[in-house]
PDB file of N, CA and C in Angstrom:
ATOM      1  N   MET A   1      99.603  94.347  94.226  1.00  0.00           N
ATOM      2  CA  MET A   1      98.208  94.758  94.014  1.00  0.00           C
ATOM      3  C   MET A   1      97.587  94.615  95.168  1.00  0.00           C
ATOM      4  N   ALA A   2      96.777  95.997  95.091  1.00  0.00           N
ATOM      5  CA  ALA A   2      95.637  96.318  96.439  1.00  0.00           C
ATOM      6  C   ALA A   2      94.881  95.315  96.350  1.00  0.00           C
ATOM      7  N   SER A   3      94.682  94.583  97.679  1.00  0.00           N
ATOM      8  CA  SER A   3      93.382  94.011  97.778  1.00  0.00           C
ATOM      9  C   SER A   3      92.958  93.596  99.412  1.00  0.00           C
ATOM     10  N   ARG A   4      92.368  92.219  99.942  1.00  0.00           N
ATOM     11  CA  ARG A   4      92.575  92.085 101.311  1.00  0.00           C
ATOM     12  C   ARG A   4      93.977  91.496 101.382  1.00  0.00           C
ATOM     13  N   ARG A   5      94.869  91.382 100.241  1.00  0.00           N
ATOM     14  CA  ARG A   5      96.490  91.165 101.617  1.00  0.00           C
ATOM     15  C   ARG A   5      96.851  91.437 100.144  1.00  0.00           C
ATOM     16  N   LEU A   6      98.474  91.758 100.733  1.00  0.00           N
ATOM     17  CA  LEU A   6      99.343  92.581  99.673  1.00  0.00           C
ATOM     18  C   LEU A   6     100.102  91.572  98.906  1.00  0.00           C
ATOM     19  N   VAL A   7      99.324  92.200  97.085  1.00  0.00           N
ATOM     20  CA  VAL A   7     100.152  90.347  96.897  1.00  0.00           C
ATOM     21  C   VAL A   7     101.085  90.765  96.007  1.00  0.00           C
ATOM     22  N   PHE A   8     102.640  90.823  95.144  1.00  0.00           N
ATOM     23  CA  PHE A   8     103.307  91.625  94.468  1.00  0.00           C
ATOM     24  C   PHE A   8     103.783  90.313  94.220  1.00  0.00           C
ATOM     25  N   PRO A   9     102.730  90.545  92.507  1.00  0.00           N
ATOM     26  CA  PRO A   9     102.821  89.649  91.748  1.00  0.00           C
ATOM     27  C   PRO A   9     104.055  89.663  90.520  1.00  0.00           C
ATOM     28  N   GLY A  10     104.562  88.727  90.879  1.00  0.00           N
ATOM     29  CA  GLY A  10     106.424  87.640  90.236  1.00  0.00           C
ATOM     30  C   GLY A  10     106.716  88.181  90.737  1.00  0.00           C
ATOM     31  N   LEU A  11     106.758  88.175  92.455  1.00  0.00           N
ATOM     32  CA  LEU A  11     107.746  87.945  93.882  1.00  0.00           C
ATOM     33  C   LEU A  11     107.225  86.998  94.624  1.00  0.00           C
ATOM     34  N   GLU A  12     106.462  86.329  94.433  1.00  0.00           N
ATOM     35  CA  GLU A  12     105.139  85.128  95.295  1.00  0.00           C
ATOM     36  C   GLU A  12     106.561  84.641  96.637  1.00  0.00           C
ATOM     37  N   GLN A  13     107.993  83.916  95.815  1.00  0.00           N
ATOM     38  CA  GLN A  13     108.899  83.090  96.348  1.00  0.00           C
ATOM     39  C   GLN A  13     109.913  83.875  97.117  1.00  0.00           C
ATOM     40  N   GLU A  14     109.203  85.700  97.147  1.00  0.00           N
ATOM     41  CA  GLU A  14     110.794  86.507  97.324  1.00  0.00           C
ATOM     42  C   GLU A  14     110.284  86.872  98.769  1.00  0.00           C
ATOM     43  N   ASP A  15     111.264  87.375  99.665  1.00  0.00           N
ATOM     44  CA  ASP A  15     111.193  87.785 101.396  1.00  0.00           C
ATOM     45  C   ASP A  15     109.801  88.639 100.683  1.00  0.00           C
ATOM     46  N   THR A  16     108.712  89.330 100.904  1.00  0.00           N
ATOM     47  CA  THR A  16     108.041  90.410 100.282  1.00  0.00           C
ATOM     48  C   THR A  16     108.640  91.740 102.070  1.00  0.00           C
ATOM     49  N   ALA A  17     108.779  91.269 103.056  1.00  0.00           N
ATOM     50  CA  ALA A  17     108.669  91.915 104.280  1.00  0.00           C
ATOM     51  C   ALA A  17     110.214  93.246 103.743  1.00  0.00           C
ATOM     52  N   LYS A  18     111.258  91.663 103.209  1.00  0.00           N
ATOM     53  CA  LYS A  18     112.452  92.565 102.899  1.00  0.00           C
ATOM     54  C   LYS A  18     112.317  93.565 101.937  1.00  0.00           C
ATOM     55  N   LEU A  19     111.837  93.230 101.205  1.00  0.00           N
ATOM     56  CA  LEU A  19     111.681  94.134  99.761  1.00  0.00           C
ATOM     57  C   LEU A  19     110.838  95.396 100.050  1.00  0.00           C
ATOM     58  N   LYS A  20     109.841  95.080 100.724  1.00  0.00           N
ATOM     59  CA  LYS A  20     108.996  96.030 101.613  1.00  0.00           C
ATOM     60  C   LYS A  20     110.020  97.710 102.010  1.00  0.00           C
ATOM     61  N   LYS A  21     110.827  96.695 102.962  1.00  0.00           N
ATOM     62  CA  LYS A  21     111.242  97.287 103.757  1.00  0.00           C
ATOM     63  C   LYS A  21     112.854  97.585 102.551  1.00  0.00           C
ATOM     64  N   MET A  22     113.377  96.910 101.688  1.00  0.00           N
ATOM     65  CA  MET A  22     114.468  98.164 100.719  1.00  0.00           C
ATOM     66  C   MET A  22     114.216  98.842  99.732  1.00  0.00           C
ATOM     67  N   CYS A  23     113.148  98.197  99.011  1.00  0.00           N
ATOM     68  CA  CYS A  23     112.484  98.552  97.663  1.00  0.00           C
ATOM     69  C   CYS A  23     110.972  99.467  97.556  1.00  0.00           C
ATOM     70  N   GLY A  24     110.353  99.411  98.725  1.00  0.00           N
ATOM     71  CA  GLY A  24     109.436 100.094  99.106  1.00  0.00           C
ATOM     72  C   GLY A  24     108.402  99.286  97.954  1.00  0.00           C
ATOM     73  N   VAL A  25     107.070  99.829  98.460  1.00  0.00           N
ATOM     74  CA  VAL A  25     105.502  99.828  97.630  1.00  0.00           C
ATOM     75  C   VAL A  25     104.945 100.953  97.036  1.00  0.00           C
ATOM     76  N   ARG A  26     104.255 100.409  95.627  1.00  0.00           N
ATOM     77  CA  ARG A  26     103.449 101.169  95.012  1.00  0.00           C
ATOM     78  C   ARG A  26     102.266  99.960  94.511  1.00  0.00           C
ATOM     79  N   TYR A  27     101.300 101.147  94.699  1.00  0.00           N
ATOM     80  CA  TYR A  27     100.098  99.938  94.135  1.00  0.00           C
ATOM     81  C   TYR A  27      99.343 100.301  93.318  1.00  0.00           C
ATOM     82  N   VAL A  28      99.155  98.939  92.601  1.00  0.00           N
ATOM     83  CA  VAL A  28      98.547  99.398  91.694  1.00  0.00           C
ATOM     84  C   VAL A  28      96.754  99.853  91.531  1.00  0.00           C
ATOM     85  N   ASP A  29      96.415 101.007  91.238  1.00  0.00           N
ATOM     86  CA  ASP A  29      94.783 102.106  91.417  1.00  0.00           C
ATOM     87  C   ASP A  29      94.092 100.961  91.183  1.00  0.00           C
ATOM     88  N   LYS A  30      93.017 100.967  91.500  1.00  0.00           N
ATOM     89  CA  LYS A  30      91.477 100.438  91.497  1.00  0.00           C
ATOM     90  C   LYS A  30      92.376  99.480  90.534  1.00  0.00           C
ATOM     91  N   SER A  31      92.486  98.118  91.973  1.00  0.00           N
ATOM     92  CA  SER A  31      92.974  96.852  91.983  1.00  0.00           C
ATOM     93  C   SER A  31      91.596  96.079  93.213  1.00  0.00           C
ATOM     94  N   PRO A  32      90.554  95.964  92.851  1.00  0.00           N
ATOM     95  CA  PRO A  32      89.930  95.668  93.871  1.00  0.00           C
ATOM     96  C   PRO A  32      89.954  94.058  93.641  1.00  0.00           C
ATOM     97  N   ASP A  33      89.647  93.150  94.745  1.00  0.00           N
ATOM     98  CA  ASP A  33      89.339  92.250  94.741  1.00  0.00           C
ATOM     99  C   ASP A  33      88.154  91.193  94.302  1.00  0.00           C
ATOM    100  N   ILE A  34      87.342  91.985  93.887  1.00  0.00           N
ATOM    101  CA  ILE A  34      85.799  91.811  93.698  1.00  0.00           C
ATOM    102  C   ILE A  34      85.466  91.563  92.248  1.00  0.00           C
ATOM    103  N   ILE A  35      85.089  91.190  91.618  1.00  0.00           N
ATOM    104  CA  ILE A  35      85.104  91.380  90.194  1.00  0.00           C
ATOM    105  C   ILE A  35      83.334  90.680  89.445  1.00  0.00           C
ATOM    106  N   LYS A  36      83.331  91.447  89.187  1.00  0.00           N
ATOM    107  CA  LYS A  36      81.439  91.722  88.481  1.00  0.00           C
ATOM    108  C   LYS A  36      81.786  90.814  87.261  1.00  0.00           C
ATOM    109  N   SER A  37      82.299  90.933  86.174  1.00  0.00           N
ATOM    110  CA  SER A  37      82.005  90.934  85.096  1.00  0.00           C
ATOM    111  C   SER A  37      83.328  90.635  84.126  1.00  0.00           C
ATOM    112  N   ILE A  38      83.603  90.167  83.462  1.00  0.00           N
ATOM    113  CA  ILE A  38      84.605  89.590  82.360  1.00  0.00           C
ATOM    114  C   ILE A  38      85.886  91.178  82.001  1.00  0.00           C
ATOM    115  N   GLU A  39      84.929  91.879  81.730  1.00  0.00           N
ATOM    116  CA  GLU A  39      85.834  93.343  81.691  1.00  0.00           C
ATOM    117  C   GLU A  39      86.525  93.418  82.586  1.00  0.00           C
ATOM    118  N   GLU A  40      85.651  93.542  83.820  1.00  0.00           N
ATOM    119  CA  GLU A  40      87.097  93.609  85.134  1.00  0.00           C
ATOM    120  C   GLU A  40      88.316  92.456  85.244  1.00  0.00           C
ATOM    121  N   LYS A  41      87.200  91.015  84.647  1.00  0.00           N
ATOM    122  CA  LYS A  41      88.094  90.060  85.482  1.00  0.00           C
ATOM    123  C   LYS A  41      89.432  90.463  84.545  1.00  0.00           C
ATOM    124  N   GLN A  42      89.317  90.917  82.939  1.00  0.00           N
ATOM    125  CA  GLN A  42      90.422  90.833  82.114  1.00  0.00           C
ATOM    126  C   GLN A  42      91.084  92.511  82.445  1.00  0.00           C
ATOM    127  N   LYS A  43      90.730  93.508  83.031  1.00  0.00           N
ATOM    128  CA  LYS A  43      91.579  94.201  83.454  1.00  0.00           C
ATOM    129  C   LYS A  43      92.414  94.034  84.311  1.00  0.00           C
ATOM    130  N   ARG A  44      91.942  93.065  85.207  1.00  0.00           N
ATOM    131  CA  ARG A  44      92.467  92.575  86.861  1.00  0.00           C
ATOM    132  C   ARG A  44      93.779  91.441  85.979  1.00  0.00           C
ATOM    133  N   ARG A  45      93.343  90.244  84.756  1.00  0.00           N
ATOM    134  CA  ARG A  45      94.876  90.048  84.293  1.00  0.00           C
ATOM    135  C   ARG A  45      95.540  90.877  83.887  1.00  0.00           C
ATOM    136  N   ASP A  46      95.322  91.442  82.777  1.00  0.00           N
ATOM    137  CA  ASP A  46      96.352  93.073  82.156  1.00  0.00           C
ATOM    138  C   ASP A  46      96.536  93.240  83.453  1.00  0.00           C
ATOM    139  N   ALA A  47      96.572  94.350  84.458  1.00  0.00           N
ATOM    140  CA  ALA A  47      97.035  94.686  85.310  1.00  0.00           C
ATOM    141  C   ALA A  47      97.665  93.892  86.251  1.00  0.00           C
ATOM    142  N   TYR A  48      97.362  93.032  86.852  1.00  0.00           N
ATOM    143  CA  TYR A  48      98.462  91.434  87.287  1.00  0.00           C
ATOM    144  C   TYR A  48      99.683  91.144  86.065  1.00  0.00           C
ATOM    145  N   ALA A  49      99.428  91.383  85.205  1.00  0.00           N
ATOM    146  CA  ALA A  49     100.371  91.230  84.028  1.00  0.00           C
ATOM    147  C   ALA A  49     101.439  92.226  83.821  1.00  0.00           C
ATOM    148  N   PHE A  50     101.019  93.373  84.282  1.00  0.00           N
ATOM    149  CA  PHE A  50     101.810  94.618  83.766  1.00  0.00           C
ATOM    150  C   PHE A  50     102.785  94.581  85.162  1.00  0.00           C
ATOM    151  N   ALA A  51     101.950  94.170  86.574  1.00  0.00           N
ATOM    152  CA  ALA A  51     102.319  94.509  87.518  1.00  0.00           C
ATOM    153  C   ALA A  51     103.708  93.416  88.102  1.00  0.00           C
ATOM    154  N   LYS A  52     103.369  92.219  87.598  1.00  0.00           N
ATOM    155  CA  LYS A  52     104.871  91.066  87.456  1.00  0.00           C
ATOM    156  C   LYS A  52     105.928  91.454  86.750  1.00  0.00           C
ATOM    157  N   SER A  53     106.019  91.851  85.224  1.00  0.00           N
ATOM    158  CA  SER A  53     106.596  92.709  84.408  1.00  0.00           C
ATOM    159  C   SER A  53     107.211  93.656  85.427  1.00  0.00           C
ATOM    160  N   PHE A  54     106.627  94.675  85.873  1.00  0.00           N
ATOM    161  CA  PHE A  54     107.755  95.954  86.738  1.00  0.00           C
ATOM    162  C   PHE A  54     108.463  95.601  88.062  1.00  0.00           C
ATOM    163  N   ASN A  55     107.780  94.818  88.181  1.00  0.00           N
ATOM    164  CA  ASN A  55     108.032  93.888  89.885  1.00  0.00           C
ATOM    165  C   ASN A  55     109.964  93.197  89.707  1.00  0.00           C
ATOM    166  N   GLN A  56     109.430  92.663  88.103  1.00  0.00           N
ATOM    167  CA  GLN A  56     110.715  91.873  88.487  1.00  0.00           C
ATOM    168  C   GLN A  56     111.768  92.514  87.944  1.00  0.00           C
ATOM    169  N   ALA A  57     111.261  94.045  87.064  1.00  0.00           N
ATOM    170  CA  ALA A  57     112.331  94.642  86.751  1.00  0.00           C
ATOM    171  C   ALA A  57     112.869  95.303  87.452  1.00  0.00           C
ATOM    172  N   MET A  58     111.802  95.625  88.410  1.00  0.00           N
ATOM    173  CA  MET A  58     112.371  97.026  89.410  1.00  0.00           C
ATOM    174  C   MET A  58     113.503  96.032  90.217  1.00  0.00           C
ATOM    175  N   LEU A  59     112.399  94.561  90.829  1.00  0.00           N
ATOM    176  CA  LEU A  59     113.720  94.212  91.654  1.00  0.00           C
ATOM    177  C   LEU A  59     115.288  93.673  91.285  1.00  0.00           C
ATOM    178  N   LYS A  60     115.446  93.170  90.114  1.00  0.00           N
ATOM    179  CA  LYS A  60     116.393  94.231  89.315  1.00  0.00           C
ATOM    180  C   LYS A  60     117.414  95.232  89.667  1.00  0.00           C
ATOM    181  N   HIS A  61     116.490  96.238  89.603  1.00  0.00           N
ATOM    182  CA  HIS A  61     116.911  97.500  89.489  1.00  0.00           C
ATOM    183  C   HIS A  61     117.411  97.471  90.940  1.00  0.00           C
ATOM    184  N   CYS A  62     116.097  97.380  92.188  1.00  0.00           N
ATOM    185  CA  CYS A  62     116.061  97.726  93.321  1.00  0.00           C
ATOM    186  C   CYS A  62     118.030  96.878  94.184  1.00  0.00           C
ATOM    187  N   LEU A  63     117.947  95.435  93.092  1.00  0.00           N
ATOM    188  CA  LEU A  63     118.926  94.360  94.109  1.00  0.00           C
ATOM    189  C   LEU A  63     120.688  95.127  93.883  1.00  0.00           C
ATOM    190  N   ASN A  64     120.644  95.759  92.748  1.00  0.00           N
ATOM    191  CA  ASN A  64     121.253  96.640  91.992  1.00  0.00           C
ATOM    192  C   ASN A  64     122.049  98.325  92.594  1.00  0.00           C
ATOM    193  N   VAL A  65     121.161  98.611  92.548  1.00  0.00           N
ATOM    194  CA  VAL A  65     121.261  99.955  94.104  1.00  0.00           C
ATOM    195  C   VAL A  65     121.674  99.735  95.480  1.00  0.00           C
ATOM    196  N   ALA A  66     120.636  98.465  95.564  1.00  0.00           N
ATOM    197  CA  ALA A  66     121.843  98.375  97.367  1.00  0.00           C
ATOM    198  C   ALA A  66     122.643  97.448  97.155  1.00  0.00           C
ATOM    199  N   SER A  67     123.467  96.763  96.111  1.00  0.00           N
ATOM    200  CA  SER A  67     124.728  96.081  96.008  1.00  0.00           C
ATOM    201  C   SER A  67     125.793  97.052  95.910  1.00  0.00           C
ATOM    202  N   ASP A  68     125.312  98.519  95.155  1.00  0.00           N
ATOM    203  CA  ASP A  68     125.914  99.593  94.987  1.00  0.00           C
ATOM    204  C   ASP A  68     126.395 100.421  96.054  1.00  0.00           C
ATOM    205  N   SER A  69     125.107 100.381  97.082  1.00  0.00           N
ATOM    206  CA  SER A  69     125.566 101.548  98.327  1.00  0.00           C
ATOM    207  C   SER A  69     125.950 100.587  99.028  1.00  0.00           C
ATOM    208  N   LYS A  70     126.037  98.868  99.277  1.00  0.00           N
ATOM    209  CA  LYS A  70     126.182  98.562  99.874  1.00  0.00           C
ATOM    210  C   LYS A  70     128.492  98.571  99.803  1.00  0.00           C
ATOM    211  N   HIS A  71     128.730  98.179  98.419  1.00  0.00           N
ATOM    212  CA  HIS A  71     130.288  98.829  97.769  1.00  0.00           C
ATOM    213  C   HIS A  71     130.272 100.160  98.464  1.00  0.00           C
ATOM    214  N   ALA A  72     129.831 100.854  98.258  1.00  0.00           N
ATOM    215  CA  ALA A  72     129.752 102.638  98.739  1.00  0.00           C
ATOM    216  C   ALA A  72     130.503 103.239 100.060  1.00  0.00           C
ATOM    217  N   VAL A  73     129.511 101.921 101.100  1.00  0.00           N
ATOM    218  CA  VAL A  73     129.937 102.859 102.027  1.00  0.00           C
ATOM    219  C   VAL A  73     131.287 101.455 102.681  1.00  0.00           C
ATOM    220  N   GLU A  74     131.310 100.601 101.972  1.00  0.00           N
ATOM    221  CA  GLU A  74     133.081  99.673 102.886  1.00  0.00           C
ATOM    222  C   GLU A  74     134.006 100.013 102.335  1.00  0.00           C
TER     223      GLU A  74
END
């Protein structure tokens, strides 16, 4: 999520530098870090939940692709 610092929802325990290099980065559009209303707070929660689910699925995919590429080279 784009905010004052780069956050990878659901992947907080992973090596984010390695993931960025291996898998790339896509930002959640309009993900401000200043929340002014209850509605904005809920939208932020929803965006975080979506990003967490997406990141966990993409991590598996990315690692599988990387593993397949490694085996193809060997």
